[in-house]
Amino acid sequence: MFAPTGDLVATAAAARTAIGAFNVITIEHAEAIVAGAEAAGLPVILQVSENAVRFHHGRLAPIAAAARSIAEAADVPVGLHLDHVESDELLAQAAPNGFGSVMYDASRLPYAGNVAATAAAVARCRTAGLWVESELGEIGGKGGAHAFGARTDPGEAAAFVAATGVDALAVAVGSSHAMTTRSARLDHDLIGRLAVAVPVPLVLHGSSGVPDEELREAVRGGMAKINIGTALNTAFTGTVRSALGEQPDLVDPRRYLASARIAMAETVRAALRVLNSGVTTA
């Protein structure tokens, strides 16, 4: 069933758990994410990034329609989120294509420019009924646009939220995008200070590289939305690589995409269990 992202995040924050938000690149990703959420019996967010839209020849509508359809047929609440939007043209397409929320990313700009651009985006999104996330502190790992080792200052974060009116804030606390090893160590003291200073839910980007116990502690510290992408691609690619290696004559993509979808679903199920109630992934 489709659910507004803002409601899912607010419910998680009130319960001191976190909602998992997983990146959709193909239809198989969306199907796997929902299957994993249904297996866990927990809500989830499907998020489509501007990079994924670019992969689909710049056309948002087809992948959005597929994701929305999969969300509406789900047995658990599913949000639909447009992620890391830098283009105003793409931002304008969010609501008409069924998204309930966007993450507007002006973090390439200096602080003052980020504030001005984000405040303008929030004003446009409000008229469309969209919940808005933004970013401050430059999470690493996105091709030079984000600085490794950056940390979000709590005072600056509070001022940013007040000036822009965003509904949630992604902060830099030690994670990094596109990590393929789970070796990140988060600054939990900083997470605690941000949770006190910032009056809106906190979001952790680059969570694929964060070990389970680090994620549990981050949720306990106040993180309410956890973004995961690379972990799904690792499961997908590893399964396909194995299948083609074992059966070099295999040509029917259904034969290997089905197992890749199962592997991604299990990754989602395990992650959601970690983010809710502190249970293990075993």
Protein backbone atom coordinates (compact mmCIF):
# COMPACT_ATOMS: atom_id res chain seq x y z
CA MET A 1 0.00 0.00 0.00
CA PHE A 2 1.26 3.45 -0.84
CA ALA A 3 2.06 5.68 2.14
CA PRO A 4 3.39 9.25 2.43
CA THR A 5 7.11 9.34 3.20
CA GLY A 6 6.61 12.00 5.86
CA ASP A 7 4.21 9.76 7.77
CA LEU A 8 6.60 6.80 7.61
CA VAL A 9 9.54 8.86 8.87
CA ALA A 10 7.47 10.51 11.62
CA THR A 11 6.20 7.14 12.84
CA ALA A 12 9.72 5.71 12.92
CA ALA A 13 11.09 8.75 14.76
CA ALA A 14 8.32 8.59 17.37
CA ALA A 15 9.03 4.89 17.95
CA ARG A 16 12.82 5.43 18.13
CA THR A 17 13.28 3.11 15.15
CA ALA A 18 14.24 3.98 11.57
CA ILE A 19 12.62 3.56 8.18
CA GLY A 20 14.80 1.95 5.54
CA ALA A 21 14.99 3.77 2.19
CA PHE A 22 16.43 1.71 -0.67
CA ASN A 23 17.57 2.86 -4.10
CA VAL A 24 15.64 1.69 -7.15
CA ILE A 25 17.50 1.34 -10.44
CA THR A 26 15.54 -1.39 -12.22
CA ILE A 27 12.07 -2.86 -11.77
CA GLU A 28 13.76 -5.85 -10.14
CA HIS A 29 15.14 -3.53 -7.47
CA ALA A 30 11.67 -2.22 -6.66
CA GLU A 31 10.17 -5.71 -6.58
CA ALA A 32 12.97 -6.96 -4.35
CA ILE A 33 12.72 -4.06 -1.92
CA VAL A 34 9.01 -4.61 -1.43
CA ALA A 35 9.43 -8.37 -1.17
CA GLY A 36 12.07 -7.89 1.53
CA ALA A 37 9.84 -5.45 3.41
CA GLU A 38 6.92 -7.86 3.23
CA ALA A 39 9.14 -10.69 4.52
CA ALA A 40 10.16 -8.48 7.45
CA GLY A 41 6.61 -7.22 7.97
CA LEU A 42 7.87 -3.64 8.01
CA PRO A 43 7.30 -0.45 6.00
CA VAL A 44 9.87 0.74 3.50
CA ILE A 45 10.69 3.59 1.11
CA LEU A 46 11.47 3.14 -2.58
CA GLN A 47 13.74 5.93 -3.73
CA VAL A 48 14.73 6.86 -7.26
CA SER A 49 17.76 9.10 -7.60
CA GLU A 50 18.50 11.69 -10.25
CA ASN A 51 21.38 9.42 -11.31
CA ALA A 52 18.92 6.55 -11.84
CA VAL A 53 16.68 8.82 -13.91
CA ARG A 54 19.71 9.74 -16.01
CA PHE A 55 20.36 6.00 -16.53
CA HIS A 56 16.79 5.68 -17.85
CA HIS A 57 17.55 8.22 -20.62
CA GLY A 58 16.41 11.10 -18.42
CA ARG A 59 12.83 9.82 -18.36
CA LEU A 60 11.32 9.70 -14.88
CA ALA A 61 7.81 8.57 -15.80
CA PRO A 62 8.42 4.88 -16.72
CA ILE A 63 10.43 3.90 -13.62
CA ALA A 64 8.18 6.04 -11.42
CA ALA A 65 5.04 4.34 -12.75
CA ALA A 66 6.52 0.90 -12.14
CA ALA A 67 7.65 1.77 -8.62
CA ARG A 68 4.32 3.37 -7.74
CA SER A 69 2.42 0.32 -9.02
CA ILE A 70 4.62 -2.04 -7.00
CA ALA A 71 4.16 0.14 -3.90
CA GLU A 72 0.38 0.21 -4.24
CA ALA A 73 0.20 -3.60 -4.50
CA ALA A 74 2.39 -4.18 -1.43
CA ASP A 75 1.16 -5.76 1.79
CA VAL A 76 3.13 -3.21 3.86
CA PRO A 77 3.24 0.60 3.72
CA VAL A 78 5.61 1.80 0.98
CA GLY A 79 6.73 5.37 0.35
CA LEU A 80 8.01 6.76 -2.95
CA HIS A 81 10.88 9.24 -2.75
CA LEU A 82 12.83 11.15 -5.42
CA ASP A 83 16.42 11.26 -4.20
CA HIS A 84 19.39 13.63 -4.63
CA VAL A 85 17.55 16.00 -6.94
CA GLU A 86 19.69 18.82 -8.25
CA SER A 87 17.69 19.70 -11.35
CA ASP A 88 14.75 22.08 -10.97
CA GLU A 89 13.21 20.47 -14.04
CA LEU A 90 13.27 17.06 -12.37
CA LEU A 91 11.99 18.53 -9.11
CA ALA A 92 8.91 19.79 -10.95
CA GLN A 93 8.18 16.24 -12.15
CA ALA A 94 8.07 14.67 -8.68
CA ALA A 95 4.44 15.26 -7.69
CA PRO A 96 2.94 14.64 -11.17
CA ASN A 97 4.70 11.24 -11.20
CA GLY A 98 3.29 10.14 -7.86
CA PHE A 99 6.17 10.84 -5.49
CA GLY A 100 5.33 11.81 -1.93
CA SER A 101 8.71 13.31 -1.14
CA VAL A 102 11.99 14.56 -2.52
CA MET A 103 15.54 14.99 -1.31
CA TYR A 104 16.72 18.29 -2.76
CA ASP A 105 20.51 18.39 -2.98
CA ALA A 106 22.21 21.78 -3.19
CA SER A 107 25.23 20.62 -1.20
CA ARG A 108 27.58 21.43 -4.10
CA LEU A 109 27.00 25.09 -3.24
CA PRO A 110 28.57 27.08 -0.41
CA TYR A 111 26.43 27.28 2.74
CA ALA A 112 24.61 30.50 1.81
CA GLY A 113 23.87 29.22 -1.68
CA ASN A 114 22.67 25.90 -0.29
CA VAL A 115 20.29 27.74 2.04
CA ALA A 116 18.89 29.96 -0.70
CA ALA A 117 18.44 27.16 -3.24
CA THR A 118 16.94 24.77 -0.70
CA ALA A 119 14.51 27.36 0.69
CA ALA A 120 13.30 28.09 -2.85
CA ALA A 121 12.90 24.36 -3.54
CA VAL A 122 10.95 23.87 -0.31
CA ALA A 123 8.59 26.68 -1.27
CA ARG A 124 7.91 25.01 -4.63
CA CYS A 125 7.47 21.60 -3.02
CA ARG A 126 5.02 22.90 -0.44
CA THR A 127 2.61 23.96 -3.17
CA ALA A 128 2.82 20.42 -4.58
CA GLY A 129 2.29 18.75 -1.19
CA LEU A 130 5.77 17.21 -1.08
CA TRP A 131 7.76 16.36 2.04
CA VAL A 132 11.34 17.63 1.63
CA GLU A 133 14.68 16.29 2.82
CA SER A 134 17.97 18.09 2.26
CA GLU A 135 21.64 17.62 3.14
CA LEU A 136 24.21 19.54 5.12
CA GLY A 137 27.78 18.49 5.78
CA GLU A 138 28.65 16.77 2.51
CA ILE A 139 28.48 13.00 2.92
CA GLY A 140 31.43 11.46 1.07
CA GLY A 141 31.61 9.22 -1.94
CA LYS A 142 29.82 10.98 -4.81
CA GLY A 143 32.49 11.82 -7.35
CA GLY A 144 34.05 14.82 -5.69
CA ALA A 145 30.79 16.65 -4.94
CA HIS A 146 31.00 15.54 -1.31
CA ALA A 147 34.06 15.80 0.89
CA PHE A 148 35.38 12.78 2.77
CA GLY A 149 35.81 13.42 6.46
CA ALA A 150 33.24 16.24 6.54
CA ARG A 151 31.04 16.55 9.62
CA THR A 152 27.83 18.49 10.09
CA ASP A 153 28.00 21.21 12.74
CA PRO A 154 24.93 21.04 15.05
CA GLY A 155 24.53 24.81 15.31
CA GLU A 156 24.79 25.27 11.57
CA ALA A 157 22.35 22.40 11.06
CA ALA A 158 19.76 24.01 13.33
CA ALA A 159 20.16 27.32 11.52
CA PHE A 160 19.87 25.60 8.13
CA VAL A 161 16.60 23.90 9.08
CA ALA A 162 15.17 27.15 10.43
CA ALA A 163 16.15 29.07 7.30
CA THR A 164 14.97 26.51 4.75
CA GLY A 165 11.96 24.83 6.34
CA VAL A 166 13.04 21.31 5.35
CA ASP A 167 11.19 18.36 6.88
CA ALA A 168 14.29 16.19 7.43
CA LEU A 169 18.04 16.66 7.28
CA ALA A 170 20.72 14.29 6.00
CA VAL A 171 23.89 14.84 8.02
CA ALA A 172 27.56 13.90 7.67
CA VAL A 173 28.61 11.76 10.63
CA GLY A 174 31.14 9.34 9.13
CA SER A 175 29.34 7.33 6.46
CA SER A 176 30.12 7.51 2.75
CA HIS A 177 28.23 6.76 -0.45
CA ALA A 178 29.13 3.77 -2.63
CA MET A 179 31.07 1.79 -0.01
CA THR A 180 31.40 -1.92 -0.83
CA THR A 181 32.91 -2.90 2.54
CA ARG A 182 31.11 -2.48 5.87
CA SER A 183 33.91 -0.70 7.67
CA ALA A 184 32.51 2.78 8.37
CA ARG A 185 32.58 4.05 11.95
CA LEU A 186 30.07 6.72 12.85
CA ASP A 187 30.52 9.68 15.17
CA HIS A 188 27.82 8.75 17.69
CA ASP A 189 28.56 11.67 19.97
CA LEU A 190 27.89 14.00 17.03
CA ILE A 191 24.68 12.14 16.19
CA GLY A 192 23.46 12.73 19.73
CA ARG A 193 24.29 16.42 19.59
CA LEU A 194 22.59 16.78 16.21
CA ALA A 195 19.47 15.02 17.50
CA VAL A 196 19.24 17.56 20.31
CA ALA A 197 19.96 20.59 18.13
CA VAL A 198 17.90 19.78 15.03
CA PRO A 199 14.09 19.85 15.33
CA VAL A 200 13.41 17.56 12.34
CA PRO A 201 14.23 13.86 11.75
CA LEU A 202 17.83 13.01 10.88
CA VAL A 203 18.77 10.95 7.82
CA LEU A 204 21.86 8.78 7.29
CA HIS A 205 23.12 8.51 3.72
CA GLY A 206 25.76 6.03 2.58
CA SER A 207 24.59 3.33 4.99
CA SER A 208 25.68 0.30 2.95
CA GLY A 209 29.18 0.63 4.41
CA VAL A 210 28.00 0.83 8.02
CA PRO A 211 28.09 -2.38 10.16
CA ASP A 212 24.88 -3.58 11.82
CA GLU A 213 25.77 -2.55 15.37
CA GLU A 214 26.85 0.89 14.17
CA LEU A 215 23.45 1.24 12.49
CA ARG A 216 21.63 0.12 15.63
CA GLU A 217 23.50 2.67 17.70
CA ALA A 218 22.81 5.39 15.14
CA VAL A 219 19.09 4.64 15.33
CA ARG A 220 19.20 4.69 19.11
CA GLY A 221 20.97 8.05 18.84
CA GLY A 222 18.23 9.61 16.71
CA MET A 223 18.59 8.62 13.04
CA ALA A 224 15.08 8.09 11.65
CA LYS A 225 15.67 7.39 7.92
CA ILE A 226 18.49 5.16 6.70
CA ASN A 227 19.44 5.20 3.01
CA ILE A 228 20.83 2.00 1.47
CA GLY A 229 21.79 1.50 -2.16
CA THR A 230 25.16 -0.10 -2.84
CA ALA A 231 24.34 -3.15 -0.68
CA LEU A 232 21.54 -4.05 -3.09
CA ASN A 233 23.79 -3.64 -6.11
CA THR A 234 26.43 -5.81 -4.46
CA ALA A 235 23.87 -8.57 -3.91
CA PHE A 236 22.49 -8.16 -7.43
CA THR A 237 25.82 -8.13 -9.23
CA GLY A 238 27.37 -10.89 -7.15
CA THR A 239 24.47 -13.22 -7.85
CA VAL A 240 24.45 -12.51 -11.58
CA ARG A 241 28.22 -12.89 -11.79
CA SER A 242 28.04 -16.25 -10.02
CA ALA A 243 25.20 -17.53 -12.20
CA LEU A 244 26.92 -16.58 -15.45
CA GLY A 245 30.22 -17.99 -14.23
CA GLU A 246 28.62 -21.33 -13.43
CA GLN A 247 26.53 -21.39 -16.62
CA PRO A 248 28.46 -19.54 -19.34
CA ASP A 249 25.91 -20.55 -21.99
CA LEU A 250 23.01 -18.98 -20.08
CA VAL A 251 21.22 -16.33 -22.18
CA ASP A 252 17.73 -16.01 -20.68
CA PRO A 253 17.95 -13.06 -18.24
CA ARG A 254 15.03 -14.38 -16.22
CA ARG A 255 17.22 -17.28 -15.13
CA TYR A 256 19.68 -15.02 -13.33
CA LEU A 257 17.57 -11.94 -12.58
CA ALA A 258 15.18 -14.05 -10.50
CA SER A 259 17.98 -15.15 -8.18
CA ALA A 260 19.41 -11.63 -8.09
CA ARG A 261 16.00 -10.32 -7.04
CA ILE A 262 15.85 -12.89 -4.24
CA ALA A 263 19.32 -11.88 -3.04
CA MET A 264 18.34 -8.20 -2.95
CA ALA A 265 15.11 -9.01 -1.11
CA GLU A 266 17.07 -10.85 1.57
CA THR A 267 19.43 -7.88 1.90
CA VAL A 268 16.42 -5.63 2.47
CA ARG A 269 14.78 -7.98 4.95
CA ALA A 270 17.97 -8.25 6.99
CA ALA A 271 18.58 -4.50 6.98
CA LEU A 272 15.04 -3.65 8.05
CA ARG A 273 15.30 -6.06 10.97
CA VAL A 274 18.46 -4.29 12.09
CA LEU A 275 16.78 -0.89 11.93
CA ASN A 276 13.77 -2.02 13.94
CA SER A 277 13.94 -3.27 17.51
CA GLY A 278 17.65 -4.04 17.33
CA VAL A 279 17.24 -7.66 16.25
CA THR A 280 20.08 -9.53 14.54
CA THR A 281 20.21 -10.41 10.86
CA ALA A 282 20.55 -14.13 11.54
